[in-house]
Amino acid sequence: MADKPAWRWSRRSVRRPGWDKEQVAEAFREWRAVEQYFQQVTDPGLVDHAIYLLKAAEEKYRVCLQNARHRGA
């Protein structure tokens, strides 16, 4: 029988990228940039695109912030 490792794998032992303070700040900057884009768009097709981008950026920021708080970053 092979020797078992002294440690056990767990989700907590794996560092998840993108959930530290720097990544939260970057997601916030992206959200604000898309918000400015939304304010300037006049073409109806681009307005729909801007809304899509804005929702995605908001969700990315929310998830990054939530996970950073959860991890205590």
N, C-alpha and C. Protein backbone atom coordinates (compact mmCIF):
# COMPACT_ATOMS: atom_id res chain seq x y z
N MET A 1 0.84 -1.18 0.00
CA MET A 1 0.00 0.00 0.00
C MET A 1 0.89 1.25 0.00
N ALA A 2 0.53 2.21 -0.83
CA ALA A 2 1.32 3.44 -0.96
C ALA A 2 1.11 4.33 0.25
N ASP A 3 2.15 5.09 0.55
CA ASP A 3 2.05 6.04 1.67
C ASP A 3 1.08 7.15 1.33
N LYS A 4 0.28 7.53 2.30
CA LYS A 4 -0.67 8.63 2.10
C LYS A 4 0.02 9.94 2.44
N PRO A 5 -0.33 11.02 1.73
CA PRO A 5 0.27 12.32 2.07
C PRO A 5 -0.16 12.76 3.47
N ALA A 6 0.70 13.53 4.11
CA ALA A 6 0.42 13.99 5.48
C ALA A 6 -0.70 15.01 5.52
N TRP A 7 -0.97 15.67 4.41
CA TRP A 7 -2.02 16.68 4.39
C TRP A 7 -3.18 16.21 3.54
N ARG A 8 -4.30 16.79 3.75
CA ARG A 8 -5.48 16.49 2.93
C ARG A 8 -5.84 17.73 2.15
N TRP A 9 -6.23 17.52 0.91
CA TRP A 9 -6.64 18.62 0.06
C TRP A 9 -7.97 19.17 0.55
N SER A 10 -8.12 20.48 0.54
CA SER A 10 -9.41 21.10 0.85
C SER A 10 -9.52 22.35 0.00
N ARG A 11 -10.73 22.83 -0.16
CA ARG A 11 -10.96 24.05 -0.93
C ARG A 11 -10.22 25.23 -0.31
N ARG A 12 -10.11 25.26 0.98
CA ARG A 12 -9.46 26.37 1.65
C ARG A 12 -7.96 26.41 1.39
N SER A 13 -7.37 25.27 1.04
CA SER A 13 -5.94 25.23 0.81
C SER A 13 -5.56 25.78 -0.57
N VAL A 14 -6.52 25.98 -1.43
CA VAL A 14 -6.26 26.47 -2.78
C VAL A 14 -6.53 27.97 -2.82
N ARG A 15 -5.53 28.74 -3.22
CA ARG A 15 -5.72 30.19 -3.34
C ARG A 15 -6.47 30.46 -4.63
N ARG A 16 -7.57 31.13 -4.50
CA ARG A 16 -8.39 31.45 -5.66
C ARG A 16 -7.97 32.81 -6.20
N PRO A 17 -7.51 32.86 -7.43
CA PRO A 17 -7.04 34.14 -7.99
C PRO A 17 -8.19 35.12 -8.21
N GLY A 18 -7.87 36.40 -8.12
CA GLY A 18 -8.84 37.42 -8.46
C GLY A 18 -9.70 37.89 -7.31
N TRP A 19 -9.41 37.43 -6.10
CA TRP A 19 -10.28 37.80 -5.00
C TRP A 19 -9.52 38.57 -3.92
N ASP A 20 -8.46 39.24 -4.28
CA ASP A 20 -7.75 40.05 -3.32
C ASP A 20 -8.12 41.52 -3.52
N LYS A 21 -7.56 42.38 -2.71
CA LYS A 21 -7.91 43.81 -2.76
C LYS A 21 -7.61 44.44 -4.11
N GLU A 22 -6.49 44.03 -4.71
CA GLU A 22 -6.12 44.60 -6.01
C GLU A 22 -7.15 44.24 -7.08
N GLN A 23 -7.61 43.00 -7.07
CA GLN A 23 -8.61 42.58 -8.05
C GLN A 23 -9.96 43.26 -7.81
N VAL A 24 -10.31 43.49 -6.56
CA VAL A 24 -11.55 44.21 -6.26
C VAL A 24 -11.46 45.63 -6.79
N ALA A 25 -10.32 46.27 -6.59
CA ALA A 25 -10.12 47.63 -7.07
C ALA A 25 -10.19 47.69 -8.59
N GLU A 26 -9.60 46.70 -9.26
CA GLU A 26 -9.64 46.65 -10.72
C GLU A 26 -11.07 46.45 -11.22
N ALA A 27 -11.83 45.59 -10.57
CA ALA A 27 -13.23 45.38 -10.95
C ALA A 27 -14.04 46.66 -10.76
N PHE A 28 -13.74 47.41 -9.70
CA PHE A 28 -14.42 48.68 -9.46
C PHE A 28 -14.10 49.68 -10.56
N ARG A 29 -12.82 49.76 -10.96
CA ARG A 29 -12.43 50.68 -12.04
C ARG A 29 -13.10 50.30 -13.36
N GLU A 30 -13.18 49.01 -13.64
CA GLU A 30 -13.86 48.56 -14.85
C GLU A 30 -15.33 48.97 -14.83
N TRP A 31 -15.97 48.79 -13.68
CA TRP A 31 -17.38 49.14 -13.54
C TRP A 31 -17.58 50.62 -13.81
N ARG A 32 -16.73 51.46 -13.23
CA ARG A 32 -16.85 52.91 -13.43
C ARG A 32 -16.59 53.30 -14.89
N ALA A 33 -15.64 52.66 -15.54
CA ALA A 33 -15.35 52.95 -16.94
C ALA A 33 -16.55 52.59 -17.83
N VAL A 34 -17.16 51.45 -17.56
CA VAL A 34 -18.34 51.05 -18.34
C VAL A 34 -19.50 51.98 -18.06
N GLU A 35 -19.60 52.46 -16.83
CA GLU A 35 -20.65 53.42 -16.48
C GLU A 35 -20.48 54.71 -17.29
N GLN A 36 -19.25 55.18 -17.46
CA GLN A 36 -19.00 56.37 -18.26
C GLN A 36 -19.33 56.11 -19.72
N TYR A 37 -18.99 54.92 -20.21
CA TYR A 37 -19.33 54.55 -21.58
C TYR A 37 -20.85 54.58 -21.77
N PHE A 38 -21.57 54.04 -20.82
CA PHE A 38 -23.03 54.03 -20.88
C PHE A 38 -23.60 55.45 -20.95
N GLN A 39 -23.01 56.37 -20.19
CA GLN A 39 -23.46 57.76 -20.17
C GLN A 39 -23.27 58.46 -21.52
N GLN A 40 -22.29 58.03 -22.29
CA GLN A 40 -21.94 58.71 -23.54
C GLN A 40 -22.56 58.10 -24.78
N VAL A 41 -23.08 56.89 -24.70
CA VAL A 41 -23.61 56.19 -25.87
C VAL A 41 -24.95 56.78 -26.28
N THR A 42 -25.13 56.96 -27.61
CA THR A 42 -26.39 57.49 -28.12
C THR A 42 -27.08 56.54 -29.10
N ASP A 43 -26.33 55.70 -29.77
CA ASP A 43 -26.90 54.75 -30.73
C ASP A 43 -27.71 53.68 -29.99
N PRO A 44 -28.95 53.43 -30.42
CA PRO A 44 -29.80 52.45 -29.71
C PRO A 44 -29.18 51.06 -29.59
N GLY A 45 -28.50 50.59 -30.62
CA GLY A 45 -27.85 49.30 -30.55
C GLY A 45 -26.72 49.27 -29.53
N LEU A 46 -26.00 50.37 -29.46
CA LEU A 46 -24.90 50.44 -28.50
C LEU A 46 -25.40 50.64 -27.07
N VAL A 47 -26.58 51.23 -26.92
CA VAL A 47 -27.16 51.37 -25.58
C VAL A 47 -27.42 49.99 -24.99
N ASP A 48 -27.99 49.09 -25.80
CA ASP A 48 -28.22 47.73 -25.33
C ASP A 48 -26.91 47.05 -24.96
N HIS A 49 -25.90 47.25 -25.79
CA HIS A 49 -24.58 46.68 -25.51
C HIS A 49 -24.01 47.26 -24.22
N ALA A 50 -24.14 48.56 -24.03
CA ALA A 50 -23.63 49.21 -22.82
C ALA A 50 -24.35 48.70 -21.57
N ILE A 51 -25.65 48.47 -21.68
CA ILE A 51 -26.41 47.93 -20.54
C ILE A 51 -25.89 46.54 -20.19
N TYR A 52 -25.66 45.73 -21.20
CA TYR A 52 -25.12 44.38 -20.99
C TYR A 52 -23.77 44.45 -20.28
N LEU A 53 -22.88 45.32 -20.77
CA LEU A 53 -21.56 45.47 -20.16
C LEU A 53 -21.66 45.98 -18.73
N LEU A 54 -22.57 46.91 -18.51
CA LEU A 54 -22.74 47.49 -17.18
C LEU A 54 -23.21 46.43 -16.18
N LYS A 55 -24.18 45.64 -16.57
CA LYS A 55 -24.66 44.57 -15.68
C LYS A 55 -23.55 43.57 -15.37
N ALA A 56 -22.77 43.21 -16.39
CA ALA A 56 -21.67 42.27 -16.20
C ALA A 56 -20.60 42.84 -15.27
N ALA A 57 -20.26 44.11 -15.45
CA ALA A 57 -19.24 44.74 -14.62
C ALA A 57 -19.71 44.86 -13.17
N GLU A 58 -20.98 45.20 -12.98
CA GLU A 58 -21.54 45.29 -11.63
C GLU A 58 -21.48 43.93 -10.93
N GLU A 59 -21.84 42.89 -11.65
CA GLU A 59 -21.85 41.55 -11.07
C GLU A 59 -20.43 41.09 -10.75
N LYS A 60 -19.49 41.38 -11.64
CA LYS A 60 -18.09 41.02 -11.38
C LYS A 60 -17.58 41.71 -10.12
N TYR A 61 -17.87 42.98 -9.98
CA TYR A 61 -17.44 43.73 -8.79
C TYR A 61 -18.10 43.15 -7.54
N ARG A 62 -19.38 42.87 -7.62
CA ARG A 62 -20.11 42.34 -6.46
C ARG A 62 -19.52 41.00 -6.02
N VAL A 63 -19.24 40.12 -6.97
CA VAL A 63 -18.70 38.81 -6.64
C VAL A 63 -17.28 38.93 -6.07
N CYS A 64 -16.45 39.76 -6.69
CA CYS A 64 -15.09 39.95 -6.18
C CYS A 64 -15.11 40.51 -4.76
N LEU A 65 -15.96 41.48 -4.53
CA LEU A 65 -16.05 42.10 -3.21
C LEU A 65 -16.57 41.10 -2.18
N GLN A 66 -17.59 40.37 -2.53
CA GLN A 66 -18.16 39.38 -1.61
C GLN A 66 -17.11 38.32 -1.24
N ASN A 67 -16.39 37.83 -2.23
CA ASN A 67 -15.39 36.80 -1.97
C ASN A 67 -14.19 37.35 -1.19
N ALA A 68 -13.81 38.58 -1.46
CA ALA A 68 -12.73 39.19 -0.70
C ALA A 68 -13.13 39.35 0.76
N ARG A 69 -14.37 39.76 1.00
CA ARG A 69 -14.85 39.88 2.39
C ARG A 69 -14.89 38.51 3.06
N HIS A 70 -15.32 37.51 2.33
CA HIS A 70 -15.41 36.16 2.87
C HIS A 70 -14.04 35.64 3.27
N ARG A 71 -13.04 35.95 2.46
CA ARG A 71 -11.68 35.48 2.72
C ARG A 71 -10.93 36.37 3.70
N GLY A 72 -11.49 37.54 4.02
CA GLY A 72 -10.83 38.44 4.94
C GLY A 72 -9.72 39.25 4.32
N ALA A 73 -9.76 39.40 2.99
CA ALA A 73 -8.70 40.15 2.31
C ALA A 73 -8.88 41.64 2.48
